[in-house]
Amino acid sequence: MPPSSIFPLSRPPRTLAIMRLSAIGDVTHMLPVVNTLQKVWPQTQITWFIGKLEAQLIGDFPNVEFIIVDKGAGWKGYWQLYRRMRHRQFDIFLQMQVSLRASITSMMIPAKVRIGFDRKRAADKQWWFTDYQIPHQPRQHVLDSFFEFLVFLGINERHLQWSLPIPPVAYEFAKNTFPSNKKLLVINPCSSQRRNNWRNWRHEHYAAVIEYAVTHCDMHVALTGGPAANEVAMGEAVLAALSPVTAQSVTDLIGKTALKELAAILDKACAVIAPDTGPAHIANAVGTPVIGLYATSNPERTGPYDRRWVVNQYPAALAHIGLSEASAKWGQRVRDPSVLDLITVAQVTDKLSAVLAESKQ
């Protein structure tokens, strides 16, 4: 349906619902959008439909009603959500999750007006489930694409404030876990495991960076990540590749932290090294420099929003498969794990040295 005279809105709606269920990085990108809504429309009641894991990170964001959607509950979950929502109706519903499951879930939520992505960025026929679609904007970062929903509503302001809530107990955990006399480097070596979607650097390369950080920069290093078997195995491989002396300056926390504790650790760090993964975006949200490792995915679309410190070998990876940035589809993945070797240890240690030099100024 084309935009009508009701957009942009002449006055703020009484109620506004957002659906962004996952993933960790994407819900982190949503925080400046919600902050902007709250500043521009302070009287609008905001409800956010979110996944269980993601709610552990941001479910205490102030002045927002969170409704947790169990994505694994199947038809039972749809029925439970329908029963919970059947006596409510939202003035505006922003469908900011592109998947068939999310679109079906959205049908359990009564709303006067539903707004989704344009057809070029939508997937799984999302436009069948929405009344209006935002105009297409080419080659945008994911966070910028979320702000397009506000522009469609009539809000042109941007408040790039993440305001990620981190409780004192999480900061206490971070304070007590690491030595107080050394700068902290966090390495989150793995992204989520997906079929044919390689993003993880070699364990021996991480080990070489750690050797540099400990011996040349006098840093303590924390390894972080989730409890998945591949992440635990990566941590073990990194530790095994270290010299015994260097290993004494490394704390392995892979699979051992809650999301709030992880956020506090990332806030405490001087720098974070990570591939295309949620913790990189959490680090960006708390203002910690992110040395992102990008070859198989485009950091201009999915990288940390502050991309000053990213090691970007994506253009070279595209060339490896016969494409250029101009000819490749926006968001094109390079399905070849060998291109990760385009990222060198020297490139990463140079970025780390630059981050540390800037922090002294």
Protein backbone atom coordinates (compact mmCIF):
# COMPACT_ATOMS: atom_id res chain seq x y z
CA MET A 1 0.00 0.00 0.00
CA PRO A 2 1.51 3.40 -0.92
CA PRO A 3 1.98 6.06 1.77
CA SER A 4 -1.17 8.07 2.44
CA SER A 5 -1.87 11.47 3.87
CA ILE A 6 -1.51 10.12 7.41
CA PHE A 7 2.29 9.94 7.00
CA PRO A 8 4.21 11.71 8.25
CA LEU A 9 2.10 11.78 11.38
CA SER A 10 0.70 15.13 12.46
CA ARG A 11 0.87 14.17 16.13
CA PRO A 12 2.49 11.42 18.20
CA PRO A 13 0.58 8.17 18.58
CA ARG A 14 -0.64 7.14 22.01
CA THR A 15 0.84 3.66 21.67
CA LEU A 16 3.58 2.27 19.46
CA ALA A 17 4.78 -1.31 19.23
CA ILE A 18 8.08 -2.57 17.85
CA MET A 19 8.94 -6.10 16.84
CA ARG A 20 12.65 -6.82 16.84
CA LEU A 21 13.11 -10.26 18.32
CA SER A 22 16.77 -10.93 17.54
CA ALA A 23 19.72 -11.04 17.23
CA ILE A 24 21.92 -9.55 19.96
CA GLY A 25 23.65 -7.14 17.60
CA ASP A 26 20.43 -6.02 15.96
CA VAL A 27 18.57 -5.36 19.20
CA THR A 28 21.59 -3.36 20.33
CA HIS A 29 21.26 -1.27 17.15
CA MET A 30 17.67 -0.59 18.18
CA LEU A 31 18.60 1.28 21.36
CA PRO A 32 19.36 4.67 19.71
CA VAL A 33 16.06 4.36 17.83
CA VAL A 34 14.13 3.83 21.06
CA ASN A 35 16.07 6.60 22.76
CA THR A 36 15.10 8.94 19.94
CA LEU A 37 11.44 7.94 20.16
CA GLN A 38 11.43 8.62 23.89
CA LYS A 39 13.02 12.05 23.50
CA VAL A 40 10.84 13.22 20.61
CA TRP A 41 7.57 11.56 21.68
CA PRO A 42 7.87 11.35 25.49
CA GLN A 43 4.16 10.66 25.98
CA THR A 44 4.00 7.70 23.58
CA GLN A 45 3.79 4.32 25.27
CA ILE A 46 6.38 2.02 23.68
CA THR A 47 6.03 -1.77 23.68
CA TRP A 48 8.85 -3.95 22.37
CA PHE A 49 8.32 -7.57 21.32
CA ILE A 50 11.65 -9.30 21.86
CA GLY A 51 13.29 -12.74 22.09
CA LYS A 52 14.11 -14.42 25.40
CA LEU A 53 17.88 -14.24 25.12
CA GLU A 54 17.87 -10.66 23.87
CA ALA A 55 15.64 -9.60 26.76
CA GLN A 56 18.37 -10.69 29.16
CA LEU A 57 20.53 -7.91 27.75
CA ILE A 58 18.08 -5.01 27.32
CA GLY A 59 14.81 -6.08 28.96
CA ASP A 60 15.31 -3.52 31.73
CA PHE A 61 15.63 -0.54 29.40
CA PRO A 62 13.64 2.21 31.16
CA ASN A 63 10.11 3.24 30.25
CA VAL A 64 9.59 0.47 27.70
CA GLU A 65 7.16 -2.43 28.06
CA PHE A 66 8.90 -5.62 26.96
CA ILE A 67 6.92 -8.62 25.84
CA ILE A 68 9.04 -11.74 25.45
CA VAL A 69 8.30 -13.93 22.47
CA ASP A 70 9.45 -17.54 22.71
CA LYS A 71 10.58 -18.18 19.14
CA GLY A 72 10.87 -21.90 19.77
CA ALA A 73 7.34 -22.43 21.10
CA GLY A 74 5.77 -22.96 17.67
CA TRP A 75 1.99 -22.77 17.31
CA LYS A 76 1.57 -22.89 21.08
CA GLY A 77 3.57 -19.68 21.33
CA TYR A 78 1.43 -17.99 18.68
CA TRP A 79 -1.73 -18.96 20.59
CA GLN A 80 -0.34 -17.74 23.90
CA LEU A 81 0.62 -14.40 22.38
CA TYR A 82 -2.78 -14.05 20.73
CA ARG A 83 -4.55 -14.65 24.04
CA ARG A 84 -2.34 -12.13 25.78
CA MET A 85 -2.83 -9.45 23.13
CA ARG A 86 -6.47 -9.99 22.10
CA HIS A 87 -7.82 -7.15 24.27
CA ARG A 88 -5.16 -4.66 23.21
CA GLN A 89 -4.62 -2.58 20.11
CA PHE A 90 -1.61 -0.46 19.16
CA ASP A 91 -1.86 2.74 17.13
CA ILE A 92 1.35 1.97 15.22
CA PHE A 93 3.18 -1.34 14.79
CA LEU A 94 6.74 -1.31 13.41
CA GLN A 95 7.64 -4.69 11.94
CA MET A 96 11.43 -4.45 12.11
CA GLN A 97 12.18 -8.19 12.00
CA VAL A 98 12.43 -9.71 8.54
CA SER A 99 11.43 -13.37 8.67
CA LEU A 100 8.32 -15.40 7.98
CA ARG A 101 8.13 -16.52 11.60
CA ALA A 102 8.22 -12.91 12.78
CA SER A 103 5.54 -11.94 10.26
CA ILE A 104 3.24 -14.72 11.45
CA THR A 105 3.91 -13.70 15.03
CA SER A 106 2.98 -10.11 14.19
CA MET A 107 -0.50 -11.26 13.17
CA MET A 108 -1.17 -12.13 16.84
CA ILE A 109 -0.73 -8.46 17.72
CA PRO A 110 -3.67 -6.11 16.99
CA ALA A 111 -2.63 -2.79 15.45
CA LYS A 112 -4.34 -0.02 13.52
CA VAL A 113 -1.39 0.48 11.18
CA ARG A 114 1.50 -1.88 10.37
CA ILE A 115 4.73 -0.61 8.81
CA GLY A 116 7.47 -2.83 7.41
CA PHE A 117 10.57 -2.75 5.24
CA ASP A 118 10.56 -1.91 1.54
CA ARG A 119 10.45 -4.88 -0.81
CA LYS A 120 14.15 -4.77 -1.65
CA ARG A 121 15.13 -5.17 1.99
CA ALA A 122 12.22 -7.31 3.12
CA ALA A 123 12.22 -11.08 2.85
CA ASP A 124 9.71 -13.92 3.00
CA LYS A 125 6.97 -11.69 1.55
CA GLN A 126 6.92 -9.44 4.61
CA TRP A 127 4.88 -6.88 2.65
CA TRP A 128 1.93 -9.27 2.74
CA PHE A 129 1.77 -8.65 6.49
CA THR A 130 2.14 -4.85 6.56
CA ASP A 131 -0.01 -1.92 5.47
CA TYR A 132 2.84 0.42 4.53
CA GLN A 133 6.50 0.00 3.63
CA ILE A 134 9.31 2.46 4.29
CA PRO A 135 10.95 3.93 1.16
CA HIS A 136 13.98 2.09 -0.13
CA GLN A 137 17.37 3.52 0.78
CA PRO A 138 20.35 1.77 -0.82
CA ARG A 139 23.55 0.68 0.89
CA GLN A 140 22.68 1.50 4.50
CA HIS A 141 24.09 0.23 7.75
CA VAL A 142 21.54 -1.87 9.65
CA LEU A 143 21.19 0.81 12.34
CA ASP A 144 20.50 3.46 9.72
CA SER A 145 17.82 1.26 8.17
CA PHE A 146 16.05 1.13 11.54
CA PHE A 147 16.03 4.93 11.69
CA GLU A 148 14.19 4.96 8.35
CA PHE A 149 11.07 3.84 10.23
CA LEU A 150 11.22 7.04 12.29
CA VAL A 151 11.71 9.16 9.18
CA PHE A 152 8.60 7.56 7.70
CA LEU A 153 6.66 8.49 10.83
CA GLY A 154 7.92 12.08 10.63
CA ILE A 155 10.86 12.04 13.04
CA ASN A 156 14.07 13.33 11.48
CA GLU A 157 16.07 13.66 14.69
CA ARG A 158 18.72 11.13 15.65
CA HIS A 159 19.95 10.66 19.19
CA LEU A 160 22.86 8.24 18.90
CA GLN A 161 22.77 7.25 22.54
CA TRP A 162 22.66 3.57 23.43
CA SER A 163 22.20 3.88 27.23
CA LEU A 164 22.59 0.13 27.69
CA PRO A 165 21.50 -0.66 31.27
CA ILE A 166 24.25 -2.45 33.24
CA PRO A 167 23.59 -3.14 36.94
CA PRO A 168 26.20 -2.48 39.66
CA VAL A 169 26.51 -6.21 40.40
CA ALA A 170 27.75 -6.77 36.82
CA TYR A 171 30.35 -4.03 37.18
CA GLU A 172 31.42 -5.56 40.47
CA PHE A 173 31.90 -8.89 38.70
CA ALA A 174 34.11 -7.25 36.07
CA LYS A 175 36.09 -5.36 38.68
CA ASN A 176 36.81 -8.49 40.70
CA THR A 177 37.69 -10.70 37.75
CA PHE A 178 40.72 -8.89 36.34
CA PRO A 179 43.87 -7.27 37.77
CA SER A 180 43.38 -3.58 38.42
CA ASN A 181 46.91 -2.56 37.40
CA LYS A 182 46.68 -3.63 33.74
CA LYS A 183 44.70 -2.49 30.74
CA LEU A 184 42.17 -5.02 29.58
CA LEU A 185 41.87 -6.37 26.05
CA VAL A 186 38.80 -8.47 25.30
CA ILE A 187 38.87 -10.98 22.45
CA ASN A 188 35.58 -12.57 21.45
CA PRO A 189 36.94 -14.97 18.84
CA CYS A 190 33.75 -16.52 17.45
CA SER A 191 30.57 -15.40 15.79
CA SER A 192 27.42 -17.48 15.98
CA GLN A 193 27.79 -20.70 14.04
CA ARG A 194 25.90 -20.72 10.75
CA ARG A 195 26.10 -23.01 7.77
CA ASN A 196 28.46 -21.73 5.04
CA ASN A 197 28.79 -18.39 6.81
CA TRP A 198 32.43 -18.31 7.84
CA ARG A 199 33.50 -15.34 9.94
CA ASN A 200 35.99 -16.70 12.48
CA TRP A 201 39.72 -16.03 12.27
CA ARG A 202 42.32 -18.75 12.92
CA HIS A 203 43.08 -19.57 16.55
CA GLU A 204 46.83 -19.21 15.97
CA HIS A 205 46.29 -15.65 14.73
CA TYR A 206 44.41 -14.76 17.90
CA ALA A 207 47.23 -16.32 19.93
CA ALA A 208 49.79 -14.18 18.10
CA VAL A 209 47.79 -11.03 18.86
CA ILE A 210 47.57 -12.02 22.52
CA GLU A 211 51.34 -12.54 22.67
CA TYR A 212 51.76 -9.01 21.30
CA ALA A 213 49.22 -7.47 23.68
CA VAL A 214 50.76 -9.10 26.76
CA THR A 215 54.46 -8.70 25.94
CA HIS A 216 54.47 -5.35 24.11
CA CYS A 217 51.45 -3.56 25.61
CA ASP A 218 51.46 -5.01 29.14
CA MET A 219 47.77 -5.91 28.86
CA HIS A 220 45.61 -8.54 30.46
CA VAL A 221 43.42 -10.44 28.00
CA ALA A 222 39.94 -11.86 28.47
CA LEU A 223 38.47 -14.43 26.11
CA THR A 224 34.70 -14.18 25.90
CA GLY A 225 31.94 -15.98 24.07
CA GLY A 226 28.96 -18.25 24.44
CA PRO A 227 28.74 -21.83 25.69
CA ALA A 228 28.47 -23.46 22.24
CA ALA A 229 30.91 -26.30 21.67
CA ASN A 230 32.70 -24.56 18.80
CA GLU A 231 33.29 -21.44 20.92
CA VAL A 232 34.64 -23.42 23.87
CA ALA A 233 36.89 -25.37 21.50
CA MET A 234 38.18 -22.14 19.97
CA GLY A 235 39.11 -20.80 23.40
CA GLU A 236 40.94 -23.99 24.27
CA ALA A 237 42.85 -23.89 20.98
CA VAL A 238 43.87 -20.27 21.53
CA LEU A 239 45.12 -20.99 25.04
CA ALA A 240 47.03 -24.06 23.89
CA ALA A 241 48.87 -21.97 21.29
CA LEU A 242 50.16 -19.47 23.87
CA SER A 243 53.48 -19.55 25.64
CA PRO A 244 53.14 -20.56 29.31
CA VAL A 245 54.14 -17.09 30.49
CA THR A 246 51.62 -15.30 28.28
CA ALA A 247 48.85 -17.72 29.23
CA GLN A 248 49.12 -16.48 32.83
CA SER A 249 47.83 -13.10 31.63
CA VAL A 250 44.71 -14.54 29.99
CA THR A 251 41.34 -15.20 31.60
CA ASP A 252 39.10 -17.61 29.73
CA LEU A 253 35.46 -16.60 30.25
CA ILE A 254 33.97 -18.33 27.22
CA GLY A 255 30.59 -19.70 28.24
CA LYS A 256 31.00 -18.35 31.77
CA THR A 257 29.28 -14.95 31.74
CA ALA A 258 25.73 -13.68 31.66
CA LEU A 259 25.00 -11.00 29.07
CA LYS A 260 24.99 -8.20 31.64
CA GLU A 261 28.35 -9.39 32.99
CA LEU A 262 29.70 -9.50 29.44
CA ALA A 263 28.50 -5.94 28.86
CA ALA A 264 30.30 -4.77 32.01
CA ILE A 265 33.51 -6.52 30.92
CA LEU A 266 33.31 -4.92 27.48
CA ASP A 267 32.77 -1.54 29.14
CA LYS A 268 35.87 -2.06 31.30
CA ALA A 269 38.05 -2.99 28.30
CA CYS A 270 40.35 -0.63 26.44
CA ALA A 271 39.62 -2.45 23.20
CA VAL A 272 37.67 -5.41 21.85
CA ILE A 273 38.72 -7.69 19.02
CA ALA A 274 35.92 -9.68 17.40
CA PRO A 275 34.53 -10.87 14.07
CA ASP A 276 30.99 -10.03 12.90
CA THR A 277 29.17 -10.93 16.12
CA GLY A 278 26.83 -9.53 18.78
CA PRO A 279 29.47 -8.71 21.43
CA ALA A 280 31.13 -6.34 18.96
CA HIS A 281 27.92 -4.31 18.92
CA ILE A 282 27.58 -4.46 22.69
CA ALA A 283 31.11 -3.06 22.93
CA ASN A 284 30.19 -0.28 20.52
CA ALA A 285 27.11 0.47 22.63
CA VAL A 286 29.24 1.05 25.74
CA GLY A 287 31.78 3.15 23.83
CA THR A 288 34.68 0.71 23.70
CA PRO A 289 36.77 0.71 20.48
CA VAL A 290 36.04 -2.38 18.39
CA ILE A 291 38.75 -3.88 16.20
CA GLY A 292 36.36 -5.74 13.97
CA LEU A 293 37.66 -8.53 11.74
CA TYR A 294 35.76 -8.41 8.45
CA ALA A 295 36.38 -10.34 5.25
CA THR A 296 33.34 -12.47 4.44
CA SER A 297 30.78 -9.80 5.37
CA ASN A 298 30.56 -6.06 4.74
CA PRO A 299 31.31 -3.90 7.80
CA GLU A 300 29.61 -0.94 6.15
CA ARG A 301 26.36 -2.85 6.58
CA THR A 302 26.85 -5.06 9.65
CA GLY A 303 29.98 -3.76 11.37
CA PRO A 304 30.17 -1.83 14.63
CA TYR A 305 28.58 1.56 14.09
CA ASP A 306 31.89 3.23 14.91
CA ARG A 307 34.02 1.60 12.21
CA ARG A 308 37.23 3.58 12.71
CA TRP A 309 39.13 0.56 14.01
CA VAL A 310 37.77 -2.15 11.73
CA VAL A 311 40.19 -4.30 9.74
CA ASN A 312 38.26 -4.37 6.47
CA GLN A 313 39.33 -6.99 3.96
CA TYR A 314 35.86 -7.32 2.48
CA PRO A 315 36.77 -5.55 -0.79
CA ALA A 316 39.72 -7.93 -1.26
CA ALA A 317 37.48 -10.89 -0.45
CA LEU A 318 35.00 -9.79 -3.10
CA ALA A 319 37.83 -9.50 -5.61
CA HIS A 320 38.83 -13.05 -4.70
CA ILE A 321 35.48 -14.28 -6.06
CA GLY A 322 35.48 -11.93 -9.06
CA LEU A 323 33.31 -9.13 -7.70
CA SER A 324 33.80 -5.50 -6.72
CA GLU A 325 31.97 -3.43 -4.15
CA ALA A 326 30.11 -1.72 -6.97
CA SER A 327 29.02 -4.96 -8.64
CA ALA A 328 28.22 -6.97 -5.50
CA LYS A 329 24.76 -6.99 -4.02
CA TRP A 330 24.56 -4.96 -0.81
CA GLY A 331 25.12 -7.40 2.00
CA GLN A 332 26.72 -10.01 -0.29
CA ARG A 333 28.44 -12.73 1.74
CA VAL A 334 31.68 -14.27 0.58
CA ARG A 335 31.20 -18.00 1.12
CA ASP A 336 34.88 -18.88 1.16
CA PRO A 337 36.68 -19.38 4.49
CA SER A 338 40.10 -18.87 2.88
CA VAL A 339 39.51 -15.13 2.53
CA LEU A 340 39.76 -14.75 6.30
CA ASP A 341 43.50 -15.19 5.84
CA LEU A 342 43.47 -11.81 4.11
CA ILE A 343 43.35 -10.40 7.65
CA THR A 344 46.90 -10.43 9.00
CA VAL A 345 48.18 -10.37 12.55
CA ALA A 346 50.11 -7.19 11.78
CA GLN A 347 46.94 -5.40 10.66
CA VAL A 348 45.26 -6.24 13.94
CA THR A 349 48.21 -5.35 16.18
CA ASP A 350 48.63 -2.06 14.31
CA LYS A 351 44.99 -1.23 15.06
CA LEU A 352 45.49 -2.17 18.72
CA SER A 353 48.55 0.09 18.95
CA ALA A 354 46.58 2.93 17.38
CA VAL A 355 43.70 2.49 19.84
CA LEU A 356 46.09 2.53 22.80
CA ALA A 357 47.92 5.59 21.45
CA GLU A 358 44.65 7.50 21.10
CA SER A 359 43.57 6.55 24.61
CA LYS A 360 46.69 8.26 26.01
CA GLN A 361 45.86 11.58 24.38
